[in-house]
Amino acid sequence: MGKPVGPVLRMSDDVDAIVAAIVDDNPDQDIKVVDRGAYTRVSGESELRVTRESIERHLGRDFEMRQLEGIMSAFAGRIDVTSEEVTWRLKTDTEPPGPGAHATAETMEEPA
């Protein structure tokens, strides 16, 4: 995987459903899931997204996207968050910073 993007999720009751929703929302991607016990790293190539609808379908209950921020301890790539979906993607050099600039993080190495 060249430049992976995606979340690092703290362990919680919702992690399995969120991972399943990410896999469902990215059918053309080879999603890598690494469970480290205390956290789970989910990564894909260039861009990953997850929708509120998919998370709710897997959880079987309502979910607000801001709840995801509470269990996401880190992420690789650039993140865009709306009330309906979260997208992690590579930052392009042509994107100008501006009002409402999005958070970015460098790709983190796996601990040995």
N, C-alpha and C. Protein backbone atom coordinates (compact mmCIF):
# COMPACT_ATOMS: atom_id res chain seq x y z
N MET A 1 0.87 -1.18 0.00
CA MET A 1 0.00 0.00 0.00
C MET A 1 0.90 1.23 0.00
N GLY A 2 0.76 2.08 -1.00
CA GLY A 2 1.61 3.25 -1.16
C GLY A 2 1.47 4.27 -0.06
N LYS A 3 0.43 5.06 -0.09
CA LYS A 3 0.18 6.09 0.91
C LYS A 3 -1.18 5.82 1.55
N PRO A 4 -1.19 5.09 2.65
CA PRO A 4 -2.46 4.74 3.25
C PRO A 4 -3.10 5.92 3.98
N VAL A 5 -4.42 5.90 4.03
CA VAL A 5 -5.20 6.87 4.79
C VAL A 5 -6.22 6.10 5.61
N GLY A 6 -6.68 6.71 6.69
CA GLY A 6 -7.73 6.09 7.49
C GLY A 6 -7.56 6.36 8.97
N PRO A 7 -8.53 5.88 9.76
CA PRO A 7 -8.54 6.17 11.19
C PRO A 7 -7.80 5.13 12.05
N VAL A 8 -7.42 5.58 13.23
CA VAL A 8 -7.00 4.70 14.31
C VAL A 8 -8.08 4.83 15.36
N LEU A 9 -8.76 3.72 15.67
CA LEU A 9 -9.92 3.73 16.55
C LEU A 9 -9.59 3.09 17.89
N ARG A 10 -9.89 3.82 18.98
CA ARG A 10 -9.75 3.24 20.32
C ARG A 10 -10.77 2.13 20.47
N MET A 11 -10.43 1.14 21.24
CA MET A 11 -11.36 0.04 21.45
C MET A 11 -12.62 0.54 22.16
N SER A 12 -13.75 0.15 21.63
CA SER A 12 -15.05 0.48 22.21
C SER A 12 -16.05 -0.54 21.69
N ASP A 13 -17.25 -0.48 22.22
CA ASP A 13 -18.30 -1.40 21.77
C ASP A 13 -18.68 -1.19 20.31
N ASP A 14 -18.37 -0.01 19.75
CA ASP A 14 -18.78 0.34 18.39
C ASP A 14 -17.75 0.04 17.32
N VAL A 15 -16.53 -0.34 17.71
CA VAL A 15 -15.44 -0.46 16.73
C VAL A 15 -15.74 -1.47 15.63
N ASP A 16 -16.22 -2.65 15.97
CA ASP A 16 -16.48 -3.67 14.93
C ASP A 16 -17.50 -3.17 13.91
N ALA A 17 -18.54 -2.50 14.38
CA ALA A 17 -19.57 -1.98 13.47
C ALA A 17 -19.01 -0.86 12.59
N ILE A 18 -18.16 -0.02 13.15
CA ILE A 18 -17.57 1.07 12.37
C ILE A 18 -16.62 0.51 11.30
N VAL A 19 -15.83 -0.47 11.67
CA VAL A 19 -14.93 -1.10 10.69
C VAL A 19 -15.75 -1.76 9.58
N ALA A 20 -16.81 -2.46 9.93
CA ALA A 20 -17.67 -3.09 8.92
C ALA A 20 -18.30 -2.05 8.00
N ALA A 21 -18.70 -0.91 8.57
CA ALA A 21 -19.28 0.17 7.76
C ALA A 21 -18.24 0.75 6.80
N ILE A 22 -17.01 0.92 7.26
CA ILE A 22 -15.94 1.43 6.38
C ILE A 22 -15.72 0.46 5.23
N VAL A 23 -15.67 -0.81 5.52
CA VAL A 23 -15.49 -1.83 4.47
C VAL A 23 -16.65 -1.77 3.47
N ASP A 24 -17.88 -1.68 3.97
CA ASP A 24 -19.05 -1.60 3.08
C ASP A 24 -19.03 -0.35 2.20
N ASP A 25 -18.61 0.77 2.76
CA ASP A 25 -18.64 2.04 2.02
C ASP A 25 -17.49 2.19 1.04
N ASN A 26 -16.57 1.24 1.02
CA ASN A 26 -15.41 1.30 0.12
C ASN A 26 -15.24 -0.04 -0.60
N PRO A 27 -16.25 -0.44 -1.38
CA PRO A 27 -16.25 -1.79 -1.98
C PRO A 27 -15.11 -2.03 -2.98
N ASP A 28 -14.56 -0.99 -3.56
CA ASP A 28 -13.50 -1.16 -4.55
C ASP A 28 -12.11 -1.07 -3.95
N GLN A 29 -12.03 -1.02 -2.62
CA GLN A 29 -10.75 -0.87 -1.94
C GLN A 29 -10.36 -2.15 -1.22
N ASP A 30 -9.07 -2.36 -1.13
CA ASP A 30 -8.53 -3.42 -0.28
C ASP A 30 -8.25 -2.76 1.07
N ILE A 31 -9.14 -2.97 2.04
CA ILE A 31 -9.04 -2.32 3.34
C ILE A 31 -8.16 -3.17 4.25
N LYS A 32 -7.19 -2.55 4.87
CA LYS A 32 -6.32 -3.24 5.82
C LYS A 32 -6.80 -2.89 7.23
N VAL A 33 -7.06 -3.90 8.04
CA VAL A 33 -7.50 -3.71 9.43
C VAL A 33 -6.47 -4.40 10.33
N VAL A 34 -5.86 -3.62 11.22
CA VAL A 34 -4.87 -4.14 12.15
C VAL A 34 -5.38 -3.92 13.56
N ASP A 35 -5.67 -5.01 14.26
CA ASP A 35 -6.17 -4.94 15.64
C ASP A 35 -4.99 -5.09 16.58
N ARG A 36 -4.72 -4.04 17.34
CA ARG A 36 -3.60 -4.03 18.28
C ARG A 36 -4.07 -4.16 19.73
N GLY A 37 -5.29 -4.57 19.93
CA GLY A 37 -5.80 -4.75 21.28
C GLY A 37 -6.41 -3.47 21.82
N ALA A 38 -5.58 -2.48 22.10
CA ALA A 38 -6.06 -1.20 22.64
C ALA A 38 -6.62 -0.30 21.55
N TYR A 39 -6.23 -0.56 20.30
CA TYR A 39 -6.72 0.24 19.18
C TYR A 39 -6.75 -0.60 17.92
N THR A 40 -7.50 -0.12 16.95
CA THR A 40 -7.59 -0.76 15.64
C THR A 40 -7.27 0.27 14.58
N ARG A 41 -6.32 -0.05 13.72
CA ARG A 41 -5.95 0.83 12.61
C ARG A 41 -6.64 0.32 11.35
N VAL A 42 -7.37 1.23 10.67
CA VAL A 42 -8.06 0.90 9.42
C VAL A 42 -7.43 1.76 8.33
N SER A 43 -6.98 1.14 7.25
CA SER A 43 -6.34 1.93 6.20
C SER A 43 -6.70 1.42 4.81
N GLY A 44 -6.67 2.37 3.90
CA GLY A 44 -6.92 2.10 2.49
C GLY A 44 -6.05 3.01 1.66
N GLU A 45 -6.07 2.80 0.38
CA GLU A 45 -5.23 3.57 -0.55
C GLU A 45 -5.91 4.87 -0.98
N SER A 46 -5.27 5.98 -0.77
CA SER A 46 -5.67 7.31 -1.28
C SER A 46 -6.92 7.92 -0.63
N GLU A 47 -8.01 7.17 -0.51
CA GLU A 47 -9.25 7.74 0.07
C GLU A 47 -10.11 6.64 0.68
N LEU A 48 -10.63 6.93 1.86
CA LEU A 48 -11.62 6.08 2.53
C LEU A 48 -12.76 6.96 2.98
N ARG A 49 -13.96 6.39 3.03
CA ARG A 49 -15.10 7.13 3.55
C ARG A 49 -15.97 6.19 4.35
N VAL A 50 -16.74 6.78 5.26
CA VAL A 50 -17.75 6.02 5.99
C VAL A 50 -18.95 6.93 6.18
N THR A 51 -20.13 6.38 6.00
CA THR A 51 -21.35 7.17 6.12
C THR A 51 -22.08 6.85 7.42
N ARG A 52 -22.82 7.82 7.89
CA ARG A 52 -23.65 7.65 9.08
C ARG A 52 -24.64 6.50 8.85
N GLU A 53 -25.21 6.46 7.66
CA GLU A 53 -26.18 5.42 7.32
C GLU A 53 -25.59 4.02 7.49
N SER A 54 -24.38 3.81 7.01
CA SER A 54 -23.74 2.50 7.13
C SER A 54 -23.43 2.15 8.58
N ILE A 55 -22.93 3.13 9.32
CA ILE A 55 -22.64 2.88 10.74
C ILE A 55 -23.93 2.51 11.48
N GLU A 56 -25.00 3.27 11.23
CA GLU A 56 -26.27 2.99 11.90
C GLU A 56 -26.81 1.61 11.52
N ARG A 57 -26.64 1.22 10.27
CA ARG A 57 -27.09 -0.09 9.82
C ARG A 57 -26.35 -1.20 10.58
N HIS A 58 -25.05 -1.03 10.76
CA HIS A 58 -24.26 -2.05 11.46
C HIS A 58 -24.47 -2.02 12.97
N LEU A 59 -24.71 -0.84 13.52
CA LEU A 59 -24.95 -0.73 14.96
C LEU A 59 -26.37 -1.12 15.35
N GLY A 60 -27.31 -0.87 14.43
CA GLY A 60 -28.71 -1.11 14.73
C GLY A 60 -29.33 -0.03 15.59
N ARG A 61 -28.71 1.15 15.55
CA ARG A 61 -29.22 2.29 16.32
C ARG A 61 -28.71 3.59 15.71
N ASP A 62 -29.23 4.71 16.19
CA ASP A 62 -28.79 6.02 15.72
C ASP A 62 -27.33 6.27 16.09
N PHE A 63 -26.67 7.05 15.26
CA PHE A 63 -25.26 7.39 15.49
C PHE A 63 -25.03 8.78 14.92
N GLU A 64 -24.36 9.63 15.68
CA GLU A 64 -23.97 10.95 15.18
C GLU A 64 -22.48 10.92 14.86
N MET A 65 -22.12 11.47 13.71
CA MET A 65 -20.74 11.39 13.25
C MET A 65 -19.76 11.99 14.26
N ARG A 66 -20.20 12.95 15.04
CA ARG A 66 -19.28 13.53 16.03
C ARG A 66 -18.86 12.49 17.07
N GLN A 67 -19.66 11.42 17.24
CA GLN A 67 -19.27 10.34 18.15
C GLN A 67 -18.01 9.63 17.67
N LEU A 68 -17.83 9.60 16.37
CA LEU A 68 -16.65 8.95 15.80
C LEU A 68 -15.38 9.66 16.25
N GLU A 69 -15.44 10.98 16.34
CA GLU A 69 -14.27 11.75 16.75
C GLU A 69 -13.83 11.37 18.16
N GLY A 70 -14.77 10.93 19.01
CA GLY A 70 -14.45 10.56 20.37
C GLY A 70 -13.67 9.26 20.49
N ILE A 71 -13.81 8.37 19.51
CA ILE A 71 -13.07 7.10 19.57
C ILE A 71 -11.93 7.04 18.55
N MET A 72 -11.79 8.08 17.75
CA MET A 72 -10.71 8.12 16.76
C MET A 72 -9.52 8.82 17.40
N SER A 73 -8.52 8.04 17.82
CA SER A 73 -7.38 8.62 18.52
C SER A 73 -6.38 9.28 17.57
N ALA A 74 -6.41 8.87 16.31
CA ALA A 74 -5.50 9.44 15.31
C ALA A 74 -6.03 9.06 13.93
N PHE A 75 -5.39 9.60 12.91
CA PHE A 75 -5.73 9.22 11.54
C PHE A 75 -4.58 9.56 10.63
N ALA A 76 -4.56 8.93 9.47
CA ALA A 76 -3.56 9.23 8.45
C ALA A 76 -4.28 9.88 7.28
N GLY A 77 -3.73 10.96 6.77
CA GLY A 77 -4.31 11.67 5.65
C GLY A 77 -5.00 12.95 6.09
N ARG A 78 -5.85 13.43 5.23
CA ARG A 78 -6.66 14.62 5.48
C ARG A 78 -8.07 14.15 5.79
N ILE A 79 -8.74 14.80 6.72
CA ILE A 79 -10.07 14.35 7.12
C ILE A 79 -11.10 15.43 6.83
N ASP A 80 -12.22 15.01 6.27
CA ASP A 80 -13.37 15.89 6.04
C ASP A 80 -14.54 15.27 6.79
N VAL A 81 -15.18 16.05 7.65
CA VAL A 81 -16.27 15.54 8.47
C VAL A 81 -17.54 16.35 8.20
N THR A 82 -18.63 15.66 7.92
CA THR A 82 -19.95 16.29 7.83
C THR A 82 -20.88 15.49 8.75
N SER A 83 -22.10 15.92 8.86
CA SER A 83 -23.05 15.18 9.70
C SER A 83 -23.45 13.85 9.07
N GLU A 84 -23.13 13.66 7.78
CA GLU A 84 -23.52 12.43 7.08
C GLU A 84 -22.37 11.49 6.76
N GLU A 85 -21.13 12.00 6.70
CA GLU A 85 -20.01 11.12 6.36
C GLU A 85 -18.69 11.70 6.81
N VAL A 86 -17.71 10.80 6.90
CA VAL A 86 -16.33 11.18 7.15
C VAL A 86 -15.51 10.62 6.01
N THR A 87 -14.59 11.44 5.49
CA THR A 87 -13.70 11.01 4.42
C THR A 87 -12.26 11.28 4.84
N TRP A 88 -11.42 10.28 4.66
CA TRP A 88 -9.98 10.43 4.85
C TRP A 88 -9.37 10.32 3.47
N ARG A 89 -8.48 11.26 3.12
CA ARG A 89 -7.88 11.21 1.78
C ARG A 89 -6.50 11.83 1.82
N LEU A 90 -5.76 11.60 0.75
CA LEU A 90 -4.45 12.21 0.64
C LEU A 90 -4.60 13.69 0.37
N LYS A 91 -3.72 14.46 0.93
CA LYS A 91 -3.70 15.89 0.66
C LYS A 91 -3.01 16.10 -0.68
N THR A 92 -3.59 16.96 -1.49
CA THR A 92 -2.95 17.27 -2.77
C THR A 92 -2.23 18.60 -2.65
N ASP A 93 -1.16 18.75 -3.42
CA ASP A 93 -0.39 19.99 -3.38
C ASP A 93 -1.15 21.17 -3.97
N THR A 94 -2.22 20.91 -4.70
CA THR A 94 -2.95 21.99 -5.36
C THR A 94 -4.06 22.58 -4.50
N GLU A 95 -4.30 22.00 -3.31
CA GLU A 95 -5.37 22.50 -2.45
C GLU A 95 -4.91 23.73 -1.69
N PRO A 96 -5.57 24.86 -1.89
CA PRO A 96 -5.19 26.04 -1.15
C PRO A 96 -5.77 25.99 0.27
N PRO A 97 -4.99 26.40 1.28
CA PRO A 97 -5.56 26.50 2.60
C PRO A 97 -6.54 27.66 2.63
N GLY A 98 -7.53 27.55 3.40
CA GLY A 98 -8.51 28.63 3.46
C GLY A 98 -9.36 28.51 4.70
N PRO A 99 -10.40 29.33 4.77
CA PRO A 99 -11.26 29.22 5.93
C PRO A 99 -11.86 27.83 5.99
N GLY A 100 -11.98 27.32 7.18
CA GLY A 100 -12.52 25.98 7.33
C GLY A 100 -11.54 24.92 6.86
N ALA A 101 -10.23 25.25 6.88
CA ALA A 101 -9.22 24.28 6.47
C ALA A 101 -9.38 23.02 7.30
N HIS A 102 -9.06 21.91 6.69
CA HIS A 102 -9.29 20.62 7.33
C HIS A 102 -8.05 20.17 8.07
N ALA A 103 -8.25 19.33 9.06
CA ALA A 103 -7.14 18.78 9.83
C ALA A 103 -6.34 17.84 8.94
N THR A 104 -5.04 17.78 9.19
CA THR A 104 -4.19 16.84 8.47
C THR A 104 -3.28 16.14 9.46
N ALA A 105 -2.81 14.99 9.07
CA ALA A 105 -1.85 14.25 9.89
C ALA A 105 -0.94 13.49 8.96
N GLU A 106 0.29 13.33 9.37
CA GLU A 106 1.22 12.56 8.58
C GLU A 106 0.91 11.08 8.80
N THR A 107 1.26 10.25 7.84
CA THR A 107 1.09 8.82 8.00
C THR A 107 1.98 8.36 9.14
N MET A 108 1.39 7.64 10.06
CA MET A 108 2.13 7.19 11.23
C MET A 108 2.61 5.78 11.01
N GLU A 109 3.80 5.48 11.52
CA GLU A 109 4.36 4.14 11.42
C GLU A 109 3.74 3.27 12.52
N GLU A 110 3.60 1.97 12.23
CA GLU A 110 3.12 1.03 13.23
C GLU A 110 4.18 0.86 14.29
N PRO A 111 3.79 0.81 15.57
CA PRO A 111 4.78 0.53 16.62
C PRO A 111 5.33 -0.88 16.44
N ALA A 112 6.57 -1.05 16.77
CA ALA A 112 7.20 -2.37 16.63
C ALA A 112 6.74 -3.32 17.71
